[in-house]
Amino acid sequence: MGMPLFSHVITCVARWPNSHGATQAAASLMVAIALSACGGAPDADETPTTTAVAPESKDLATASTAAAPRAGASGAAIANVTPPRGSANLAEPTGAYEIRLFDQNGWPRETFELVPARGIGYQTVHAAVVLRGSKTLSPVAGVQAYCATPLRCEYLPPRSADHAERYTISLPDDSVARLSATEGMIAISARYLEVERPSIVSVNLTVDGQPPVTKRIMYMKSPG
Protein backbone atom coordinates (compact mmCIF):
# COMPACT_ATOMS: atom_id res chain seq x y z
CA MET A 1 0.00 0.00 0.00
CA GLY A 2 3.08 2.29 -0.05
CA MET A 3 3.63 5.47 1.88
CA PRO A 4 0.00 6.06 3.06
CA LEU A 5 0.17 2.80 5.10
CA PHE A 6 3.49 3.72 6.64
CA SER A 7 2.29 7.20 7.48
CA HIS A 8 -0.86 5.77 9.06
CA VAL A 9 1.16 3.34 11.17
CA ILE A 10 3.52 6.08 12.35
CA THR A 11 0.50 8.22 13.33
CA CYS A 12 -1.06 5.42 15.37
CA VAL A 13 2.21 4.38 17.02
CA ALA A 14 2.97 7.98 17.92
CA ARG A 15 -0.04 7.95 20.27
CA TRP A 16 1.65 5.36 22.50
CA PRO A 17 3.91 6.68 25.25
CA ASN A 18 7.71 6.16 24.79
CA SER A 19 8.55 6.04 28.46
CA HIS A 20 8.35 2.24 28.79
CA GLY A 21 11.79 1.48 27.36
CA ALA A 22 10.35 -1.17 25.06
CA THR A 23 12.70 -3.33 22.98
CA GLN A 24 12.55 -3.68 19.20
CA ALA A 25 10.38 -6.80 19.52
CA ALA A 26 8.01 -4.97 21.82
CA ALA A 27 7.93 -2.14 19.30
CA SER A 28 6.79 -4.57 16.60
CA LEU A 29 4.07 -5.82 18.91
CA MET A 30 3.03 -2.23 19.56
CA VAL A 31 2.79 -1.65 15.79
CA ALA A 32 0.45 -4.61 15.44
CA ILE A 33 -1.67 -3.49 18.38
CA ALA A 34 -1.77 0.08 17.05
CA LEU A 35 -2.92 -1.13 13.64
CA SER A 36 -5.66 -3.17 15.29
CA ALA A 37 -6.75 -0.22 17.49
CA CYS A 38 -6.83 2.19 14.53
CA GLY A 39 -9.02 -0.16 12.52
CA GLY A 40 -6.34 -1.28 10.08
CA ALA A 41 -4.65 0.53 7.25
CA PRO A 42 -6.59 2.84 4.93
CA ASP A 43 -7.48 1.89 1.40
CA ALA A 44 -5.28 3.00 -1.43
CA ASP A 45 -7.73 5.78 -2.43
CA GLU A 46 -8.56 6.87 1.11
CA THR A 47 -7.28 10.13 2.48
CA PRO A 48 -7.04 10.03 6.28
CA THR A 49 -8.80 12.98 7.87
CA THR A 50 -9.05 13.90 11.48
CA THR A 51 -11.64 16.32 12.79
CA ALA A 52 -10.93 17.60 16.23
CA VAL A 53 -13.89 18.57 18.37
CA ALA A 54 -13.18 20.86 21.23
CA PRO A 55 -14.76 19.62 24.49
CA GLU A 56 -16.58 22.92 25.01
CA SER A 57 -18.00 22.90 21.47
CA LYS A 58 -19.18 19.30 21.93
CA ASP A 59 -20.93 20.19 25.17
CA LEU A 60 -22.61 23.20 23.54
CA ALA A 61 -23.80 21.09 20.60
CA THR A 62 -25.22 18.47 22.96
CA ALA A 63 -27.02 21.11 25.03
CA SER A 64 -28.42 22.77 21.90
CA THR A 65 -29.76 19.45 20.62
CA ALA A 66 -31.36 18.62 23.94
CA ALA A 67 -33.05 22.04 24.13
CA ALA A 68 -34.53 21.92 20.62
CA PRO A 69 -38.26 20.91 20.55
CA ARG A 70 -39.12 17.62 18.90
CA ALA A 71 -40.87 17.99 15.58
CA GLY A 72 -44.54 17.23 15.99
CA ALA A 73 -44.30 17.22 19.79
CA SER A 74 -46.87 19.03 21.88
CA GLY A 75 -45.76 22.58 22.55
CA ALA A 76 -43.08 22.39 19.86
CA ALA A 77 -44.16 25.73 18.43
CA ILE A 78 -42.33 28.93 19.28
CA ALA A 79 -41.49 28.84 22.95
CA ASN A 80 -42.95 31.29 25.44
CA VAL A 81 -45.54 32.64 23.00
CA THR A 82 -48.99 33.02 24.51
CA PRO A 83 -51.85 33.75 22.07
CA PRO A 84 -54.00 36.76 22.93
CA ARG A 85 -57.16 36.16 24.90
CA GLY A 86 -60.08 35.14 22.81
CA SER A 87 -57.93 34.24 19.80
CA ALA A 88 -59.41 30.71 19.78
CA ASN A 89 -62.77 32.16 18.96
CA LEU A 90 -62.15 34.42 16.04
CA ALA A 91 -64.26 37.59 16.03
CA GLU A 92 -66.95 37.75 13.38
CA PRO A 93 -66.43 40.46 10.80
CA THR A 94 -68.53 43.58 11.41
CA GLY A 95 -69.95 45.85 8.76
CA ALA A 96 -70.27 49.59 8.64
CA TYR A 97 -74.07 49.48 9.18
CA GLU A 98 -76.15 48.04 12.01
CA ILE A 99 -79.73 47.67 13.23
CA ARG A 100 -80.68 49.95 16.08
CA LEU A 101 -83.78 48.96 18.09
CA PHE A 102 -85.86 51.38 20.21
CA ASP A 103 -88.49 50.73 22.85
CA GLN A 104 -91.88 52.45 23.01
CA ASN A 105 -90.31 55.43 24.78
CA GLY A 106 -87.70 55.94 22.09
CA TRP A 107 -84.77 54.56 24.10
CA PRO A 108 -82.27 52.33 22.25
CA ARG A 109 -81.90 48.83 23.66
CA GLU A 110 -79.81 45.82 22.71
CA THR A 111 -82.13 43.14 24.08
CA PHE A 112 -85.90 42.85 24.34
CA GLU A 113 -87.90 40.39 26.45
CA LEU A 114 -91.41 41.65 26.00
CA VAL A 115 -94.32 40.72 28.24
CA PRO A 116 -97.85 41.56 27.06
CA ALA A 117 -99.89 44.17 28.88
CA ARG A 118 -103.39 43.01 29.75
CA GLY A 119 -105.82 43.92 27.01
CA ILE A 120 -103.15 45.81 25.04
CA GLY A 121 -100.61 43.21 24.03
CA TYR A 122 -96.95 43.74 23.30
CA GLN A 123 -95.32 47.10 22.84
CA THR A 124 -94.17 48.04 19.36
CA VAL A 125 -90.43 47.99 18.76
CA HIS A 126 -88.99 50.43 16.25
CA ALA A 127 -85.93 49.75 14.14
CA ALA A 128 -83.61 51.80 11.97
CA VAL A 129 -80.55 51.06 9.89
CA VAL A 130 -77.72 53.36 10.91
CA LEU A 131 -74.08 53.91 10.15
CA ARG A 132 -72.03 52.80 13.14
CA GLY A 133 -71.30 55.78 15.37
CA SER A 134 -73.82 58.00 13.58
CA LYS A 135 -76.85 59.65 15.20
CA THR A 136 -78.77 59.80 11.93
CA LEU A 137 -81.58 57.24 12.00
CA SER A 138 -81.06 56.24 8.39
CA PRO A 139 -78.19 54.65 6.48
CA VAL A 140 -78.23 57.68 4.18
CA ALA A 141 -79.37 61.09 5.38
CA GLY A 142 -82.82 62.00 4.06
CA VAL A 143 -83.66 58.45 2.91
CA GLN A 144 -86.55 56.68 4.62
CA ALA A 145 -87.59 53.06 4.57
CA TYR A 146 -90.60 51.68 2.82
CA CYS A 147 -92.11 48.23 3.35
CA ALA A 148 -93.26 46.33 0.29
CA THR A 149 -94.46 43.38 2.43
CA PRO A 150 -94.94 42.67 6.16
CA LEU A 151 -91.67 40.72 6.01
CA ARG A 152 -89.42 43.11 4.12
CA CYS A 153 -88.56 46.80 4.32
CA GLU A 154 -85.89 48.63 2.32
CA TYR A 155 -83.97 51.90 2.08
CA LEU A 156 -83.26 52.78 -1.54
CA PRO A 157 -80.91 55.79 -1.71
CA PRO A 158 -79.96 57.45 -5.00
CA ARG A 159 -77.26 55.56 -6.86
CA SER A 160 -73.85 56.63 -5.66
CA ALA A 161 -70.38 55.19 -5.15
CA ASP A 162 -70.48 56.42 -1.54
CA HIS A 163 -73.09 53.93 -0.31
CA ALA A 164 -74.73 50.61 -1.10
CA GLU A 165 -77.63 50.29 -3.51
CA ARG A 166 -80.07 49.01 -0.89
CA TYR A 167 -80.41 48.33 2.83
CA THR A 168 -82.95 45.67 3.74
CA ILE A 169 -84.55 44.69 7.06
CA SER A 170 -86.53 41.46 7.04
CA LEU A 171 -88.20 38.82 9.21
CA PRO A 172 -88.00 35.08 8.53
CA ASP A 173 -91.81 34.74 8.76
CA ASP A 174 -94.88 36.59 10.03
CA SER A 175 -96.11 34.00 12.52
CA VAL A 176 -95.37 36.29 15.48
CA ALA A 177 -94.58 39.81 14.22
CA ARG A 178 -94.85 42.01 11.14
CA LEU A 179 -93.06 45.04 9.73
CA SER A 180 -94.45 48.40 8.69
CA ALA A 181 -93.01 51.84 7.96
CA THR A 182 -93.94 54.64 10.34
CA GLU A 183 -92.51 58.01 11.31
CA GLY A 184 -89.39 57.47 9.25
CA MET A 185 -88.60 54.19 11.00
CA ILE A 186 -89.61 50.54 10.78
CA ALA A 187 -92.22 49.29 13.27
CA ILE A 188 -92.07 45.67 14.49
CA SER A 189 -95.49 44.75 15.86
CA ALA A 190 -96.70 41.49 17.40
CA ARG A 191 -99.68 39.94 15.67
CA TYR A 192 -101.41 38.73 18.83
CA LEU A 193 -102.17 40.07 22.27
CA GLU A 194 -100.27 37.11 23.70
CA VAL A 195 -98.24 34.34 22.12
CA GLU A 196 -99.04 30.72 22.98
CA ARG A 197 -95.44 30.06 24.01
CA PRO A 198 -92.26 32.16 24.29
CA SER A 199 -91.07 33.06 20.82
CA ILE A 200 -87.93 34.67 19.41
CA VAL A 201 -88.18 36.89 16.36
CA SER A 202 -84.98 37.49 14.38
CA VAL A 203 -84.69 40.90 12.75
CA ASN A 204 -82.19 40.66 9.90
CA LEU A 205 -80.26 43.39 8.14
CA THR A 206 -78.80 42.81 4.69
CA VAL A 207 -76.50 45.38 3.12
CA ASP A 208 -74.65 44.92 -0.14
CA GLY A 209 -70.98 44.30 0.54
CA GLN A 210 -71.09 43.50 4.28
CA PRO A 211 -71.92 40.49 6.46
CA PRO A 212 -75.56 40.16 7.59
CA VAL A 213 -76.55 41.56 10.98
CA THR A 214 -79.23 40.05 13.25
CA LYS A 215 -81.02 41.37 16.34
CA ARG A 216 -83.51 39.30 18.32
CA ILE A 217 -86.74 40.10 20.15
CA MET A 218 -88.16 37.70 22.74
CA TYR A 219 -91.93 37.62 23.14
CA MET A 220 -92.87 36.08 26.50
CA LYS A 221 -96.15 34.76 27.89
CA SER A 222 -97.93 36.70 30.57
CA PRO A 223 -96.75 35.76 34.11
CA GLY A 224 -100.35 35.12 35.22
C-alpha atoms as a PDB file:
ATOM      1  CA  MET A   1       0.000   0.000   0.000  1.00  0.00           C
ATOM      2  CA  GLY A   2       3.079   2.291  -0.052  1.00  0.00           C
ATOM      3  CA  MET A   3       3.627   5.467   1.878  1.00  0.00           C
ATOM      4  CA  PRO A   4       0.001   6.057   3.056  1.00  0.00           C
ATOM      5  CA  LEU A   5       0.170   2.799   5.099  1.00  0.00           C
ATOM      6  CA  PHE A   6       3.493   3.724   6.638  1.00  0.00           C
ATOM      7  CA  SER A   7       2.289   7.202   7.479  1.00  0.00           C
ATOM      8  CA  HIS A   8      -0.859   5.768   9.060  1.00  0.00           C
ATOM      9  CA  VAL A   9       1.158   3.342  11.168  1.00  0.00           C
ATOM     10  CA  ILE A  10       3.516   6.085  12.345  1.00  0.00           C
ATOM     11  CA  THR A  11       0.504   8.216  13.334  1.00  0.00           C
ATOM     12  CA  CYS A  12      -1.058   5.417  15.367  1.00  0.00           C
ATOM     13  CA  VAL A  13       2.214   4.379  17.015  1.00  0.00           C
ATOM     14  CA  ALA A  14       2.974   7.981  17.919  1.00  0.00           C
ATOM     15  CA  ARG A  15      -0.036   7.946  20.265  1.00  0.00           C
ATOM     16  CA  TRP A  16       1.654   5.359  22.502  1.00  0.00           C
ATOM     17  CA  PRO A  17       3.914   6.677  25.254  1.00  0.00           C
ATOM     18  CA  ASN A  18       7.710   6.161  24.785  1.00  0.00           C
ATOM     19  CA  SER A  19       8.553   6.045  28.464  1.00  0.00           C
ATOM     20  CA  HIS A  20       8.348   2.244  28.792  1.00  0.00           C
ATOM     21  CA  GLY A  21      11.793   1.484  27.355  1.00  0.00           C
ATOM     22  CA  ALA A  22      10.346  -1.169  25.064  1.00  0.00           C
ATOM     23  CA  THR A  23      12.696  -3.334  22.976  1.00  0.00           C
ATOM     24  CA  GLN A  24      12.549  -3.676  19.203  1.00  0.00           C
ATOM     25  CA  ALA A  25      10.376  -6.798  19.518  1.00  0.00           C
ATOM     26  CA  ALA A  26       8.012  -4.967  21.816  1.00  0.00           C
ATOM     27  CA  ALA A  27       7.933  -2.142  19.303  1.00  0.00           C
ATOM     28  CA  SER A  28       6.794  -4.571  16.597  1.00  0.00           C
ATOM     29  CA  LEU A  29       4.072  -5.825  18.913  1.00  0.00           C
ATOM     30  CA  MET A  30       3.025  -2.226  19.555  1.00  0.00           C
ATOM     31  CA  VAL A  31       2.792  -1.647  15.794  1.00  0.00           C
ATOM     32  CA  ALA A  32       0.455  -4.614  15.441  1.00  0.00           C
ATOM     33  CA  ILE A  33      -1.674  -3.489  18.382  1.00  0.00           C
ATOM     34  CA  ALA A  34      -1.767   0.078  17.052  1.00  0.00           C
ATOM     35  CA  LEU A  35      -2.920  -1.127  13.645  1.00  0.00           C
ATOM     36  CA  SER A  36      -5.658  -3.167  15.293  1.00  0.00           C
ATOM     37  CA  ALA A  37      -6.746  -0.223  17.491  1.00  0.00           C
ATOM     38  CA  CYS A  38      -6.829   2.192  14.527  1.00  0.00           C
ATOM     39  CA  GLY A  39      -9.017  -0.158  12.520  1.00  0.00           C
ATOM     40  CA  GLY A  40      -6.341  -1.282  10.077  1.00  0.00           C
ATOM     41  CA  ALA A  41      -4.650   0.526   7.251  1.00  0.00           C
ATOM     42  CA  PRO A  42      -6.594   2.843   4.928  1.00  0.00           C
ATOM     43  CA  ASP A  43      -7.477   1.890   1.398  1.00  0.00           C
ATOM     44  CA  ALA A  44      -5.283   3.004  -1.430  1.00  0.00           C
ATOM     45  CA  ASP A  45      -7.726   5.780  -2.432  1.00  0.00           C
ATOM     46  CA  GLU A  46      -8.556   6.869   1.107  1.00  0.00           C
ATOM     47  CA  THR A  47      -7.285  10.128   2.485  1.00  0.00           C
ATOM     48  CA  PRO A  48      -7.043  10.032   6.280  1.00  0.00           C
ATOM     49  CA  THR A  49      -8.796  12.979   7.874  1.00  0.00           C
ATOM     50  CA  THR A  50      -9.050  13.903  11.480  1.00  0.00           C
ATOM     51  CA  THR A  51     -11.642  16.321  12.793  1.00  0.00           C
ATOM     52  CA  ALA A  52     -10.927  17.602  16.234  1.00  0.00           C
ATOM     53  CA  VAL A  53     -13.890  18.571  18.369  1.00  0.00           C
ATOM     54  CA  ALA A  54     -13.180  20.865  21.231  1.00  0.00           C
ATOM     55  CA  PRO A  55     -14.761  19.616  24.489  1.00  0.00           C
ATOM     56  CA  GLU A  56     -16.584  22.918  25.012  1.00  0.00           C
ATOM     57  CA  SER A  57     -18.000  22.897  21.467  1.00  0.00           C
ATOM     58  CA  LYS A  58     -19.178  19.298  21.931  1.00  0.00           C
ATOM     59  CA  ASP A  59     -20.932  20.191  25.168  1.00  0.00           C
ATOM     60  CA  LEU A  60     -22.609  23.197  23.537  1.00  0.00           C
ATOM     61  CA  ALA A  61     -23.795  21.089  20.601  1.00  0.00           C
ATOM     62  CA  THR A  62     -25.217  18.470  22.960  1.00  0.00           C
ATOM     63  CA  ALA A  63     -27.023  21.107  25.028  1.00  0.00           C
ATOM     64  CA  SER A  64     -28.422  22.767  21.904  1.00  0.00           C
ATOM     65  CA  THR A  65     -29.760  19.449  20.617  1.00  0.00           C
ATOM     66  CA  ALA A  66     -31.359  18.623  23.944  1.00  0.00           C
ATOM     67  CA  ALA A  67     -33.052  22.044  24.133  1.00  0.00           C
ATOM     68  CA  ALA A  68     -34.532  21.924  20.624  1.00  0.00           C
ATOM     69  CA  PRO A  69     -38.262  20.909  20.550  1.00  0.00           C
ATOM     70  CA  ARG A  70     -39.121  17.623  18.902  1.00  0.00           C
ATOM     71  CA  ALA A  71     -40.873  17.991  15.582  1.00  0.00           C
ATOM     72  CA  GLY A  72     -44.539  17.228  15.990  1.00  0.00           C
ATOM     73  CA  ALA A  73     -44.299  17.218  19.787  1.00  0.00           C
ATOM     74  CA  SER A  74     -46.868  19.030  21.878  1.00  0.00           C
ATOM     75  CA  GLY A  75     -45.765  22.581  22.546  1.00  0.00           C
ATOM     76  CA  ALA A  76     -43.082  22.387  19.859  1.00  0.00           C
ATOM     77  CA  ALA A  77     -44.164  25.726  18.435  1.00  0.00           C
ATOM     78  CA  ILE A  78     -42.326  28.927  19.278  1.00  0.00           C
ATOM     79  CA  ALA A  79     -41.492  28.839  22.950  1.00  0.00           C
ATOM     80  CA  ASN A  80     -42.954  31.293  25.440  1.00  0.00           C
ATOM     81  CA  VAL A  81     -45.540  32.642  22.996  1.00  0.00           C
ATOM     82  CA  THR A  82     -48.994  33.025  24.509  1.00  0.00           C
ATOM     83  CA  PRO A  83     -51.849  33.749  22.075  1.00  0.00           C
ATOM     84  CA  PRO A  84     -54.000  36.764  22.932  1.00  0.00           C
ATOM     85  CA  ARG A  85     -57.164  36.163  24.905  1.00  0.00           C
ATOM     86  CA  GLY A  86     -60.079  35.139  22.814  1.00  0.00           C
ATOM     87  CA  SER A  87     -57.931  34.243  19.797  1.00  0.00           C
ATOM     88  CA  ALA A  88     -59.406  30.711  19.780  1.00  0.00           C
ATOM     89  CA  ASN A  89     -62.773  32.164  18.959  1.00  0.00           C
ATOM     90  CA  LEU A  90     -62.154  34.422  16.045  1.00  0.00           C
ATOM     91  CA  ALA A  91     -64.257  37.589  16.033  1.00  0.00           C
ATOM     92  CA  GLU A  92     -66.952  37.750  13.381  1.00  0.00           C
ATOM     93  CA  PRO A  93     -66.432  40.459  10.801  1.00  0.00           C
ATOM     94  CA  THR A  94     -68.530  43.579  11.412  1.00  0.00           C
ATOM     95  CA  GLY A  95     -69.946  45.847   8.761  1.00  0.00           C
ATOM     96  CA  ALA A  96     -70.271  49.593   8.642  1.00  0.00           C
ATOM     97  CA  TYR A  97     -74.065  49.475   9.177  1.00  0.00           C
ATOM     98  CA  GLU A  98     -76.146  48.039  12.012  1.00  0.00           C
ATOM     99  CA  ILE A  99     -79.729  47.673  13.229  1.00  0.00           C
ATOM    100  CA  ARG A 100     -80.682  49.951  16.082  1.00  0.00           C
ATOM    101  CA  LEU A 101     -83.777  48.964  18.094  1.00  0.00           C
ATOM    102  CA  PHE A 102     -85.861  51.380  20.207  1.00  0.00           C
ATOM    103  CA  ASP A 103     -88.486  50.728  22.848  1.00  0.00           C
ATOM    104  CA  GLN A 104     -91.882  52.446  23.007  1.00  0.00           C
ATOM    105  CA  ASN A 105     -90.306  55.433  24.781  1.00  0.00           C
ATOM    106  CA  GLY A 106     -87.696  55.936  22.085  1.00  0.00           C
ATOM    107  CA  TRP A 107     -84.774  54.556  24.097  1.00  0.00           C
ATOM    108  CA  PRO A 108     -82.273  52.332  22.247  1.00  0.00           C
ATOM    109  CA  ARG A 109     -81.898  48.829  23.658  1.00  0.00           C
ATOM    110  CA  GLU A 110     -79.807  45.816  22.707  1.00  0.00           C
ATOM    111  CA  THR A 111     -82.130  43.144  24.079  1.00  0.00           C
ATOM    112  CA  PHE A 112     -85.895  42.846  24.336  1.00  0.00           C
ATOM    113  CA  GLU A 113     -87.900  40.387  26.446  1.00  0.00           C
ATOM    114  CA  LEU A 114     -91.414  41.649  25.998  1.00  0.00           C
ATOM    115  CA  VAL A 115     -94.315  40.719  28.240  1.00  0.00           C
ATOM    116  CA  PRO A 116     -97.847  41.555  27.061  1.00  0.00           C
ATOM    117  CA  ALA A 117     -99.895  44.168  28.878  1.00  0.00           C
ATOM    118  CA  ARG A 118    -103.392  43.007  29.753  1.00  0.00           C
ATOM    119  CA  GLY A 119    -105.824  43.923  27.015  1.00  0.00           C
ATOM    120  CA  ILE A 120    -103.148  45.812  25.036  1.00  0.00           C
ATOM    121  CA  GLY A 121    -100.615  43.212  24.030  1.00  0.00           C
ATOM    122  CA  TYR A 122     -96.951  43.738  23.297  1.00  0.00           C
ATOM    123  CA  GLN A 123     -95.323  47.095  22.838  1.00  0.00           C
ATOM    124  CA  THR A 124     -94.167  48.036  19.356  1.00  0.00           C
ATOM    125  CA  VAL A 125     -90.431  47.988  18.765  1.00  0.00           C
ATOM    126  CA  HIS A 126     -88.991  50.434  16.254  1.00  0.00           C
ATOM    127  CA  ALA A 127     -85.931  49.745  14.137  1.00  0.00           C
ATOM    128  CA  ALA A 128     -83.607  51.800  11.972  1.00  0.00           C
ATOM    129  CA  VAL A 129     -80.553  51.061   9.892  1.00  0.00           C
ATOM    130  CA  VAL A 130     -77.718  53.357  10.913  1.00  0.00           C
ATOM    131  CA  LEU A 131     -74.079  53.914  10.145  1.00  0.00           C
ATOM    132  CA  ARG A 132     -72.033  52.798  13.140  1.00  0.00           C
ATOM    133  CA  GLY A 133     -71.298  55.784  15.369  1.00  0.00           C
ATOM    134  CA  SER A 134     -73.818  57.996  13.584  1.00  0.00           C
ATOM    135  CA  LYS A 135     -76.847  59.654  15.203  1.00  0.00           C
ATOM    136  CA  THR A 136     -78.772  59.799  11.927  1.00  0.00           C
ATOM    137  CA  LEU A 137     -81.583  57.241  11.995  1.00  0.00           C
ATOM    138  CA  SER A 138     -81.062  56.244   8.394  1.00  0.00           C
ATOM    139  CA  PRO A 139     -78.191  54.650   6.481  1.00  0.00           C
ATOM    140  CA  VAL A 140     -78.229  57.679   4.176  1.00  0.00           C
ATOM    141  CA  ALA A 141     -79.374  61.095   5.380  1.00  0.00           C
ATOM    142  CA  GLY A 142     -82.816  62.001   4.055  1.00  0.00           C
ATOM    143  CA  VAL A 143     -83.661  58.453   2.906  1.00  0.00           C
ATOM    144  CA  GLN A 144     -86.553  56.678   4.625  1.00  0.00           C
ATOM    145  CA  ALA A 145     -87.588  53.057   4.572  1.00  0.00           C
ATOM    146  CA  TYR A 146     -90.604  51.685   2.816  1.00  0.00           C
ATOM    147  CA  CYS A 147     -92.114  48.233   3.353  1.00  0.00           C
ATOM    148  CA  ALA A 148     -93.262  46.334   0.291  1.00  0.00           C
ATOM    149  CA  THR A 149     -94.463  43.384   2.429  1.00  0.00           C
ATOM    150  CA  PRO A 150     -94.937  42.667   6.161  1.00  0.00           C
ATOM    151  CA  LEU A 151     -91.670  40.716   6.008  1.00  0.00           C
ATOM    152  CA  ARG A 152     -89.419  43.111   4.121  1.00  0.00           C
ATOM    153  CA  CYS A 153     -88.557  46.804   4.316  1.00  0.00           C
ATOM    154  CA  GLU A 154     -85.885  48.634   2.320  1.00  0.00           C
ATOM    155  CA  TYR A 155     -83.973  51.897   2.079  1.00  0.00           C
ATOM    156  CA  LEU A 156     -83.262  52.783  -1.539  1.00  0.00           C
ATOM    157  CA  PRO A 157     -80.913  55.787  -1.707  1.00  0.00           C
ATOM    158  CA  PRO A 158     -79.959  57.450  -4.998  1.00  0.00           C
ATOM    159  CA  ARG A 159     -77.259  55.560  -6.861  1.00  0.00           C
ATOM    160  CA  SER A 160     -73.848  56.634  -5.661  1.00  0.00           C
ATOM    161  CA  ALA A 161     -70.384  55.190  -5.149  1.00  0.00           C
ATOM    162  CA  ASP A 162     -70.478  56.419  -1.539  1.00  0.00           C
ATOM    163  CA  HIS A 163     -73.091  53.927  -0.312  1.00  0.00           C
ATOM    164  CA  ALA A 164     -74.727  50.612  -1.103  1.00  0.00           C
ATOM    165  CA  GLU A 165     -77.633  50.290  -3.513  1.00  0.00           C
ATOM    166  CA  ARG A 166     -80.074  49.011  -0.893  1.00  0.00           C
ATOM    167  CA  TYR A 167     -80.413  48.331   2.829  1.00  0.00           C
ATOM    168  CA  THR A 168     -82.947  45.672   3.742  1.00  0.00           C
ATOM    169  CA  ILE A 169     -84.552  44.693   7.058  1.00  0.00           C
ATOM    170  CA  SER A 170     -86.527  41.458   7.038  1.00  0.00           C
ATOM    171  CA  LEU A 171     -88.197  38.823   9.205  1.00  0.00           C
ATOM    172  CA  PRO A 172     -88.001  35.081   8.529  1.00  0.00           C
ATOM    173  CA  ASP A 173     -91.809  34.738   8.763  1.00  0.00           C
ATOM    174  CA  ASP A 174     -94.877  36.593  10.029  1.00  0.00           C
ATOM    175  CA  SER A 175     -96.106  34.003  12.518  1.00  0.00           C
ATOM    176  CA  VAL A 176     -95.369  36.290  15.482  1.00  0.00           C
ATOM    177  CA  ALA A 177     -94.578  39.810  14.216  1.00  0.00           C
ATOM    178  CA  ARG A 178     -94.850  42.009  11.135  1.00  0.00           C
ATOM    179  CA  LEU A 179     -93.059  45.038   9.725  1.00  0.00           C
ATOM    180  CA  SER A 180     -94.453  48.400   8.692  1.00  0.00           C
ATOM    181  CA  ALA A 181     -93.012  51.837   7.956  1.00  0.00           C
ATOM    182  CA  THR A 182     -93.940  54.636  10.344  1.00  0.00           C
ATOM    183  CA  GLU A 183     -92.512  58.008  11.309  1.00  0.00           C
ATOM    184  CA  GLY A 184     -89.387  57.467   9.248  1.00  0.00           C
ATOM    185  CA  MET A 185     -88.601  54.192  10.996  1.00  0.00           C
ATOM    186  CA  ILE A 186     -89.611  50.535  10.782  1.00  0.00           C
ATOM    187  CA  ALA A 187     -92.219  49.286  13.273  1.00  0.00           C
ATOM    188  CA  ILE A 188     -92.071  45.669  14.487  1.00  0.00           C
ATOM    189  CA  SER A 189     -95.488  44.754  15.856  1.00  0.00           C
ATOM    190  CA  ALA A 190     -96.699  41.495  17.400  1.00  0.00           C
ATOM    191  CA  ARG A 191     -99.684  39.941  15.666  1.00  0.00           C
ATOM    192  CA  TYR A 192    -101.415  38.730  18.829  1.00  0.00           C
ATOM    193  CA  LEU A 193    -102.174  40.073  22.270  1.00  0.00           C
ATOM    194  CA  GLU A 194    -100.274  37.112  23.704  1.00  0.00           C
ATOM    195  CA  VAL A 195     -98.244  34.336  22.125  1.00  0.00           C
ATOM    196  CA  GLU A 196     -99.040  30.719  22.980  1.00  0.00           C
ATOM    197  CA  ARG A 197     -95.440  30.057  24.008  1.00  0.00           C
ATOM    198  CA  PRO A 198     -92.260  32.163  24.292  1.00  0.00           C
ATOM    199  CA  SER A 199     -91.065  33.058  20.819  1.00  0.00           C
ATOM    200  CA  ILE A 200     -87.928  34.667  19.407  1.00  0.00           C
ATOM    201  CA  VAL A 201     -88.176  36.891  16.362  1.00  0.00           C
ATOM    202  CA  SER A 202     -84.979  37.490  14.379  1.00  0.00           C
ATOM    203  CA  VAL A 203     -84.695  40.896  12.748  1.00  0.00           C
ATOM    204  CA  ASN A 204     -82.193  40.665   9.899  1.00  0.00           C
ATOM    205  CA  LEU A 205     -80.258  43.390   8.142  1.00  0.00           C
ATOM    206  CA  THR A 206     -78.805  42.815   4.691  1.00  0.00           C
ATOM    207  CA  VAL A 207     -76.503  45.384   3.117  1.00  0.00           C
ATOM    208  CA  ASP A 208     -74.650  44.924  -0.138  1.00  0.00           C
ATOM    209  CA  GLY A 209     -70.976  44.299   0.537  1.00  0.00           C
ATOM    210  CA  GLN A 210     -71.085  43.497   4.276  1.00  0.00           C
ATOM    211  CA  PRO A 211     -71.919  40.485   6.464  1.00  0.00           C
ATOM    212  CA  PRO A 212     -75.561  40.162   7.592  1.00  0.00           C
ATOM    213  CA  VAL A 213     -76.549  41.558  10.983  1.00  0.00           C
ATOM    214  CA  THR A 214     -79.231  40.055  13.255  1.00  0.00           C
ATOM    215  CA  LYS A 215     -81.021  41.365  16.335  1.00  0.00           C
ATOM    216  CA  ARG A 216     -83.506  39.297  18.315  1.00  0.00           C
ATOM    217  CA  ILE A 217     -86.740  40.101  20.154  1.00  0.00           C
ATOM    218  CA  MET A 218     -88.157  37.704  22.740  1.00  0.00           C
ATOM    219  CA  TYR A 219     -91.932  37.619  23.142  1.00  0.00           C
ATOM    220  CA  MET A 220     -92.871  36.082  26.503  1.00  0.00           C
ATOM    221  CA  LYS A 221     -96.151  34.763  27.892  1.00  0.00           C
ATOM    222  CA  SER A 222     -97.935  36.703  30.570  1.00  0.00           C
ATOM    223  CA  PRO A 223     -96.754  35.756  34.108  1.00  0.00           C
ATOM    224  CA  GLY A 224    -100.351  35.121  35.216  1.00  0.00           C
END
